[in-house]
C-alpha atoms as a PDB file:
ATOM      1  CA  MET A   1     -27.805   3.993   8.260  1.00  0.00           C
ATOM      2  CA  ASN A   2     -28.282   1.040   5.937  1.00  0.00           C
ATOM      3  CA  ASN A   3     -25.495  -0.948   4.302  1.00  0.00           C
ATOM      4  CA  GLU A   4     -25.512   1.237   1.194  1.00  0.00           C
ATOM      5  CA  ASP A   5     -25.129   4.382   3.315  1.00  0.00           C
ATOM      6  CA  ASP A   6     -22.299   2.747   5.256  1.00  0.00           C
ATOM      7  CA  GLN A   7     -20.531   1.842   2.024  1.00  0.00           C
ATOM      8  CA  MET A   8     -20.899   5.372   0.665  1.00  0.00           C
ATOM      9  CA  SER A   9     -19.541   6.823   3.905  1.00  0.00           C
ATOM     10  CA  LEU A  10     -16.558   4.457   3.773  1.00  0.00           C
ATOM     11  CA  ARG A  11     -15.944   5.373   0.139  1.00  0.00           C
ATOM     12  CA  SER A  12     -15.982   9.076   1.019  1.00  0.00           C
ATOM     13  CA  ARG A  13     -13.531   8.539   3.855  1.00  0.00           C
ATOM     14  CA  VAL A  14     -11.144   6.619   1.599  1.00  0.00           C
ATOM     15  CA  LEU A  15     -11.289   9.450  -0.936  1.00  0.00           C
ATOM     16  CA  ASP A  16     -10.544  11.945   1.849  1.00  0.00           C
ATOM     17  CA  VAL A  17      -7.437   9.992   2.800  1.00  0.00           C
ATOM     18  CA  LEU A  18      -6.182   9.759  -0.778  1.00  0.00           C
ATOM     19  CA  SER A  19      -6.598  13.505  -1.288  1.00  0.00           C
ATOM     20  CA  GLY A  20      -5.314  14.474   2.158  1.00  0.00           C
ATOM     21  CA  PRO A  21      -2.191  16.422   3.179  1.00  0.00           C
ATOM     22  CA  ALA A  22      -0.055  13.408   4.138  1.00  0.00           C
ATOM     23  CA  VAL A  23      -0.520  11.731   0.767  1.00  0.00           C
ATOM     24  CA  ALA A  24       0.143  15.089  -0.912  1.00  0.00           C
ATOM     25  CA  ARG A  25       3.670  15.012   0.558  1.00  0.00           C
ATOM     26  CA  MET A  26       4.420  11.391  -0.262  1.00  0.00           C
ATOM     27  CA  ARG A  27       7.044  10.921  -2.953  1.00  0.00           C
ATOM     28  CA  PHE A  28      10.007   8.594  -3.466  1.00  0.00           C
ATOM     29  CA  ARG A  29      11.792   6.445  -6.012  1.00  0.00           C
ATOM     30  CA  PHE A  30      13.153   2.944  -5.657  1.00  0.00           C
ATOM     31  CA  PRO A  31      15.223   0.745  -7.998  1.00  0.00           C
ATOM     32  CA  ILE A  32      14.046  -2.393  -9.721  1.00  0.00           C
ATOM     33  CA  ARG A  33      16.076  -4.462 -12.140  1.00  0.00           C
ATOM     34  CA  GLY A  34      17.166  -2.242 -15.007  1.00  0.00           C
ATOM     35  CA  SER A  35      14.838   0.616 -14.083  1.00  0.00           C
ATOM     36  CA  HIS A  36      13.043   2.310 -11.199  1.00  0.00           C
ATOM     37  CA  VAL A  37       9.542   3.094  -9.921  1.00  0.00           C
ATOM     38  CA  THR A  38       8.357   6.522  -8.795  1.00  0.00           C
ATOM     39  CA  ILE A  39       5.660   7.031  -6.162  1.00  0.00           C
ATOM     40  CA  ALA A  40       4.050  10.475  -5.971  1.00  0.00           C
ATOM     41  CA  PRO A  41       0.710  11.987  -4.921  1.00  0.00           C
ATOM     42  CA  GLN A  42      -0.556  11.416  -8.458  1.00  0.00           C
ATOM     43  CA  THR A  43      -0.153   7.668  -7.867  1.00  0.00           C
ATOM     44  CA  PHE A  44      -2.898   7.808  -5.252  1.00  0.00           C
ATOM     45  CA  HIS A  45      -4.951  10.412  -7.092  1.00  0.00           C
ATOM     46  CA  HIS A  46      -5.201   7.898  -9.947  1.00  0.00           C
ATOM     47  CA  VAL A  47      -6.803   5.416  -7.550  1.00  0.00           C
ATOM     48  CA  ALA A  48      -9.163   8.093  -6.209  1.00  0.00           C
ATOM     49  CA  ARG A  49     -10.242   8.914  -9.747  1.00  0.00           C
ATOM     50  CA  ALA A  50     -10.859   5.215 -10.448  1.00  0.00           C
ATOM     51  CA  ILE A  51     -13.023   5.012  -7.306  1.00  0.00           C
ATOM     52  CA  ARG A  52     -15.062   8.041  -8.394  1.00  0.00           C
ATOM     53  CA  LEU A  53     -15.540   6.544 -11.864  1.00  0.00           C
ATOM     54  CA  GLY A  54     -16.628   3.185 -10.461  1.00  0.00           C
ATOM     55  CA  GLN A  55     -13.563   1.365 -11.778  1.00  0.00           C
ATOM     56  CA  VAL A  56     -12.571   0.457  -8.206  1.00  0.00           C
ATOM     57  CA  THR A  57     -15.202  -0.467  -5.625  1.00  0.00           C
ATOM     58  CA  VAL A  58     -14.768   0.332  -1.923  1.00  0.00           C
ATOM     59  CA  ARG A  59     -16.696  -1.872   0.461  1.00  0.00           C
ATOM     60  CA  PRO A  60     -16.462  -3.293   3.988  1.00  0.00           C
ATOM     61  CA  PRO A  61     -15.363  -6.938   4.064  1.00  0.00           C
ATOM     62  CA  THR A  62     -17.279  -9.778   5.646  1.00  0.00           C
ATOM     63  CA  ASP A  63     -14.649 -12.478   5.868  1.00  0.00           C
ATOM     64  CA  LEU A  64     -11.106 -11.127   6.091  1.00  0.00           C
ATOM     65  CA  ALA A  65      -8.829 -12.954   8.502  1.00  0.00           C
ATOM     66  CA  ALA A  66      -8.454 -11.551  11.993  1.00  0.00           C
ATOM     67  CA  GLY A  67      -5.913  -8.735  12.010  1.00  0.00           C
ATOM     68  CA  VAL A  68      -6.323  -7.932   8.309  1.00  0.00           C
ATOM     69  CA  ALA A  69      -7.581  -4.349   8.250  1.00  0.00           C
ATOM     70  CA  ALA A  70      -7.744  -3.821   4.493  1.00  0.00           C
ATOM     71  CA  GLN A  71      -7.200  -5.718   1.261  1.00  0.00           C
ATOM     72  CA  TYR A  72      -7.135  -4.873  -2.428  1.00  0.00           C
ATOM     73  CA  ASN A  73      -8.391  -7.601  -4.735  1.00  0.00           C
ATOM     74  CA  ASP A  74      -6.810  -7.310  -8.159  1.00  0.00           C
ATOM     75  CA  VAL A  75      -8.774 -10.385  -9.253  1.00  0.00           C
ATOM     76  CA  ALA A  76     -12.154 -11.685  -8.153  1.00  0.00           C
ATOM     77  CA  ARG A  77     -12.222 -13.904  -5.103  1.00  0.00           C
ATOM     78  CA  THR A  78     -14.803 -16.237  -3.600  1.00  0.00           C
ATOM     79  CA  ARG A  79     -15.797 -15.943   0.037  1.00  0.00           C
ATOM     80  CA  ALA A  80     -16.143 -18.974   2.270  1.00  0.00           C
ATOM     81  CA  ASP A  81     -19.937 -18.778   1.855  1.00  0.00           C
ATOM     82  CA  GLY A  82     -19.616 -19.057  -1.931  1.00  0.00           C
ATOM     83  CA  THR A  83     -20.415 -15.432  -2.738  1.00  0.00           C
ATOM     84  CA  ALA A  84     -18.012 -13.409  -4.858  1.00  0.00           C
ATOM     85  CA  VAL A  85     -15.969 -10.246  -4.361  1.00  0.00           C
ATOM     86  CA  ALA A  86     -15.349  -8.620  -7.719  1.00  0.00           C
ATOM     87  CA  ALA A  87     -11.922  -7.770  -9.077  1.00  0.00           C
ATOM     88  CA  ASN A  88     -10.675  -4.234  -8.423  1.00  0.00           C
ATOM     89  CA  THR A  89     -12.341  -4.110  -5.004  1.00  0.00           C
ATOM     90  CA  LEU A  90     -10.755  -2.324  -2.061  1.00  0.00           C
ATOM     91  CA  GLU A  91     -12.048  -3.928   1.125  1.00  0.00           C
ATOM     92  CA  VAL A  92     -11.665  -1.740   4.206  1.00  0.00           C
ATOM     93  CA  VAL A  93     -12.673  -2.697   7.728  1.00  0.00           C
ATOM     94  CA  SER A  94     -12.533   0.827   9.156  1.00  0.00           C
ATOM     95  CA  ALA A  95     -11.371   4.327   8.284  1.00  0.00           C
ATOM     96  CA  THR A  96     -11.759   5.947  11.692  1.00  0.00           C
ATOM     97  CA  GLY A  97      -8.157   6.440  12.810  1.00  0.00           C
ATOM     98  CA  ARG A  98      -4.671   7.192  11.558  1.00  0.00           C
ATOM     99  CA  LEU A  99      -3.597   3.555  11.533  1.00  0.00           C
ATOM    100  CA  ASP A 100      -6.703   2.608   9.528  1.00  0.00           C
ATOM    101  CA  GLU A 101      -5.845   5.411   7.113  1.00  0.00           C
ATOM    102  CA  ALA A 102      -2.273   4.136   6.785  1.00  0.00           C
ATOM    103  CA  TYR A 103      -3.608   0.703   5.833  1.00  0.00           C
ATOM    104  CA  ILE A 104      -5.833   2.353   3.218  1.00  0.00           C
ATOM    105  CA  VAL A 105      -2.784   4.066   1.706  1.00  0.00           C
ATOM    106  CA  HIS A 106      -0.894   0.743   1.757  1.00  0.00           C
ATOM    107  CA  GLU A 107      -3.649  -1.108  -0.127  1.00  0.00           C
ATOM    108  CA  SER A 108      -4.270   1.823  -2.454  1.00  0.00           C
ATOM    109  CA  LEU A 109      -0.688   1.550  -3.646  1.00  0.00           C
ATOM    110  CA  HIS A 110      -1.412  -2.064  -4.606  1.00  0.00           C
ATOM    111  CA  ALA A 111      -4.462  -0.779  -6.466  1.00  0.00           C
ATOM    112  CA  ALA A 112      -2.373   1.840  -8.261  1.00  0.00           C
ATOM    113  CA  TYR A 113       0.165  -0.721  -9.442  1.00  0.00           C
ATOM    114  CA  ASP A 114      -2.661  -2.860 -10.810  1.00  0.00           C
ATOM    115  CA  LEU A 115      -4.526  -0.003 -12.502  1.00  0.00           C
ATOM    116  CA  LEU A 116      -1.346   1.462 -13.998  1.00  0.00           C
ATOM    117  CA  ARG A 117      -0.037  -1.992 -14.963  1.00  0.00           C
ATOM    118  CA  THR A 118       3.281  -1.210 -13.321  1.00  0.00           C
ATOM    119  CA  GLY A 119       6.070  -3.650 -14.065  1.00  0.00           C
ATOM    120  CA  LEU A 120       7.745  -4.708 -10.829  1.00  0.00           C
ATOM    121  CA  ASP A 121       8.218  -7.790  -8.698  1.00  0.00           C
ATOM    122  CA  ALA A 122       5.886  -8.714  -5.849  1.00  0.00           C
ATOM    123  CA  ASN A 123       8.582  -8.199  -3.225  1.00  0.00           C
ATOM    124  CA  ALA A 124       9.287  -4.609  -4.277  1.00  0.00           C
ATOM    125  CA  GLU A 125       5.549  -3.988  -4.487  1.00  0.00           C
ATOM    126  CA  GLU A 126       4.984  -5.119  -0.904  1.00  0.00           C
ATOM    127  CA  ALA A 127       8.079  -3.336   0.397  1.00  0.00           C
ATOM    128  CA  SER A 128       7.066  -0.028  -1.184  1.00  0.00           C
ATOM    129  CA  ALA A 129       3.565  -0.359   0.260  1.00  0.00           C
ATOM    130  CA  TYR A 130       5.109  -0.713   3.730  1.00  0.00           C
ATOM    131  CA  VAL A 131       7.149   2.432   3.063  1.00  0.00           C
ATOM    132  CA  CYS A 132       3.896   4.268   2.347  1.00  0.00           C
ATOM    133  CA  THR A 133       2.405   2.928   5.581  1.00  0.00           C
ATOM    134  CA  ALA A 134       5.436   4.132   7.541  1.00  0.00           C
ATOM    135  CA  LEU A 135       5.484   7.542   5.855  1.00  0.00           C
ATOM    136  CA  TYR A 136       1.792   8.064   6.570  1.00  0.00           C
ATOM    137  CA  CYS A 137       2.167   7.102  10.225  1.00  0.00           C
ATOM    138  CA  ARG A 138       5.191   9.337  10.659  1.00  0.00           C
ATOM    139  CA  MET A 139       3.674  12.320   8.860  1.00  0.00           C
ATOM    140  CA  THR A 140       0.431  12.117  10.842  1.00  0.00           C
ATOM    141  CA  GLY A 141       2.287  11.835  14.163  1.00  0.00           C
ATOM    142  CA  LEU A 142       1.120   8.355  15.101  1.00  0.00           C
ATOM    143  CA  PRO A 143       3.355   7.097  17.947  1.00  0.00           C
ATOM    144  CA  ARG A 144       5.679   4.377  16.712  1.00  0.00           C
ATOM    145  CA  PRO A 145       4.705   1.727  19.289  1.00  0.00           C
ATOM    146  CA  ARG A 146       1.237   1.713  17.738  1.00  0.00           C
ATOM    147  CA  TRP A 147       2.412   0.728  14.274  1.00  0.00           C
ATOM    148  CA  ALA A 148       6.089  -0.280  14.047  1.00  0.00           C
ATOM    149  CA  ASN A 149       5.651  -3.807  15.327  1.00  0.00           C
ATOM    150  CA  GLY A 150       7.920  -6.483  13.903  1.00  0.00           C
ATOM    151  CA  PRO A 151      10.978  -6.362  11.639  1.00  0.00           C
ATOM    152  CA  ILE A 152       9.185  -5.353   8.421  1.00  0.00           C
ATOM    153  CA  TYR A 153       7.689  -2.254   9.991  1.00  0.00           C
ATOM    154  CA  ALA A 154      10.971  -1.475  11.735  1.00  0.00           C
ATOM    155  CA  ASN A 155      12.793  -1.637   8.399  1.00  0.00           C
ATOM    156  CA  ALA A 156      10.084   0.414   6.682  1.00  0.00           C
ATOM    157  CA  ALA A 157      10.416   3.010   9.423  1.00  0.00           C
ATOM    158  CA  GLU A 158      14.109   3.372   8.603  1.00  0.00           C
ATOM    159  CA  VAL A 159      13.334   3.906   4.912  1.00  0.00           C
ATOM    160  CA  ALA A 160      10.737   6.506   5.893  1.00  0.00           C
ATOM    161  CA  ARG A 161      13.181   8.228   8.226  1.00  0.00           C
ATOM    162  CA  THR A 162      15.731   8.784   5.459  1.00  0.00           C
ATOM    163  CA  LEU A 163      13.029  10.017   3.075  1.00  0.00           C
ATOM    164  CA  LEU A 164      11.614  12.446   5.635  1.00  0.00           C
ATOM    165  CA  SER A 165      15.079  13.850   6.268  1.00  0.00           C
ATOM    166  CA  GLN A 166      15.247  14.653   2.559  1.00  0.00           C
ATOM    167  CA  TYR A 167      11.756  16.181   2.566  1.00  0.00           C
ATOM    168  CA  GLN A 168      12.809  18.455   5.405  1.00  0.00           C
ATOM    169  CA  LYS A 169      15.606  19.925   3.314  1.00  0.00           C
ATOM    170  CA  GLY A 170      12.957  21.525   1.140  1.00  0.00           C
ATOM    171  CA  ASP A 171      14.131  19.958  -2.098  1.00  0.00           C
ATOM    172  CA  PRO A 172      11.082  19.752  -4.397  1.00  0.00           C
ATOM    173  CA  GLY A 173      12.524  16.743  -6.232  1.00  0.00           C
ATOM    174  CA  ILE A 174      11.597  13.102  -5.702  1.00  0.00           C
ATOM    175  CA  PRO A 175      14.190  11.434  -3.454  1.00  0.00           C
ATOM    176  CA  TRP A 176      15.545   7.925  -3.758  1.00  0.00           C
ATOM    177  CA  VAL A 177      15.109   5.453  -0.939  1.00  0.00           C
ATOM    178  CA  GLY A 178      18.283   4.824   1.037  1.00  0.00           C
ATOM    179  CA  GLU A 179      20.110   1.929  -0.592  1.00  0.00           C
ATOM    180  CA  HIS A 180      20.947   0.029   2.604  1.00  0.00           C
ATOM    181  CA  GLU A 181      17.544   0.657   4.206  1.00  0.00           C
ATOM    182  CA  TRP A 182      15.736  -0.486   1.072  1.00  0.00           C
ATOM    183  CA  LYS A 183      17.770  -3.682   0.819  1.00  0.00           C
ATOM    184  CA  MET A 184      17.061  -4.494   4.467  1.00  0.00           C
ATOM    185  CA  LEU A 185      13.340  -3.919   3.946  1.00  0.00           C
ATOM    186  CA  ARG A 186      13.236  -6.114   0.837  1.00  0.00           C
ATOM    187  CA  ALA A 187      15.078  -8.882   2.679  1.00  0.00           C
ATOM    188  CA  GLY A 188      12.706  -8.605   5.640  1.00  0.00           C
ATOM    189  CA  VAL A 189       9.679  -8.928   3.362  1.00  0.00           C
ATOM    190  CA  GLY A 190      11.241 -11.815   1.437  1.00  0.00           C
ATOM    191  CA  LEU A 191      12.071 -13.793   4.558  1.00  0.00           C
ATOM    192  CA  ASP A 192       8.874 -13.124   6.476  1.00  0.00           C
ATOM    193  CA  PRO A 193       7.102 -16.479   6.991  1.00  0.00           C
ATOM    194  CA  VAL A 194       3.708 -15.072   5.996  1.00  0.00           C
ATOM    195  CA  TYR A 195       5.000 -13.873   2.638  1.00  0.00           C
ATOM    196  CA  ALA A 196       7.687 -16.474   1.989  1.00  0.00           C
ATOM    197  CA  SER A 197       5.113 -19.285   2.029  1.00  0.00           C
ATOM    198  CA  GLY A 198       2.664 -17.459  -0.213  1.00  0.00           C
ATOM    199  CA  PRO A 199       2.158 -17.963  -3.956  1.00  0.00           C
ATOM    200  CA  GLY A 200       2.619 -14.361  -5.051  1.00  0.00           C
ATOM    201  CA  GLY A 201       6.333 -14.332  -5.796  1.00  0.00           C
ATOM    202  CA  ILE A 202       7.413 -12.376  -2.732  1.00  0.00           C
ATOM    203  CA  LEU A 203      10.506 -14.540  -2.218  1.00  0.00           C
ATOM    204  CA  THR A 204      11.282 -15.204  -5.876  1.00  0.00           C
ATOM    205  CA  GLY A 205      10.704 -11.553  -6.674  1.00  0.00           C
ATOM    206  CA  TRP A 206      13.340 -10.585  -4.136  1.00  0.00           C
ATOM    207  CA  LEU A 207      15.852 -13.210  -5.272  1.00  0.00           C
ATOM    208  CA  LEU A 208      15.190 -13.383  -9.017  1.00  0.00           C
ATOM    209  CA  GLY A 209      13.345 -10.195  -9.944  1.00  0.00           C
ATOM    210  CA  GLN A 210      10.330 -12.201 -11.122  1.00  0.00           C
ATOM    211  CA  GLN A 211       7.618  -9.703 -12.045  1.00  0.00           C
ATOM    212  CA  TYR A 212       4.103  -9.753 -10.659  1.00  0.00           C
ATOM    213  CA  THR A 213       1.221  -9.579 -13.136  1.00  0.00           C
ATOM    214  CA  HIS A 214      -0.942  -6.436 -13.146  1.00  0.00           C
ATOM    215  CA  ASP A 215      -3.878  -6.380 -15.526  1.00  0.00           C
ATOM    216  CA  GLY A 216      -5.608  -3.118 -14.661  1.00  0.00           C
END
């Protein structure tokens, strides 16, 4: 297949993930200062619709750092070779396994926040994306040693565990994250060296509630 065929195949696989049974079960609420944010299947269906309409582009990357399996670009970026990646582009290395699919869900939540112009801080955004990663891995039966590496994933796994216990009760409502588990996850994200040194407000969002800009 040529590059265009590869891109179309990747796009189709991403759409399959976003409309799949694991995402259809995914729902939770978490607090932010003075309000809360709700994640539900419709959150991801909004991204899928944007992909179908051409408002979000799915493409394989050429220059992501080693170990980065997917990335959503809310603004345009310039590659090292001087070429551009447009805003609202979901770059995905692979969609061939459950862990790849979990990364797609993670980055699609970032896309949803941008498209929906959700008001929340960067720390809560990243933490909730890790919760989605953990939920997807748990609900698809991926063994924990393959994904829960490091304190952030360990904390996200605890948030997912409490949510899944509520799902199993059969309550059709949207459960809240566990208060203690959520606080531990937010602290882990805020103190992680990769995020703490970045410019996106991960640390200040955790400490001060500084909101991250989403422009659709």
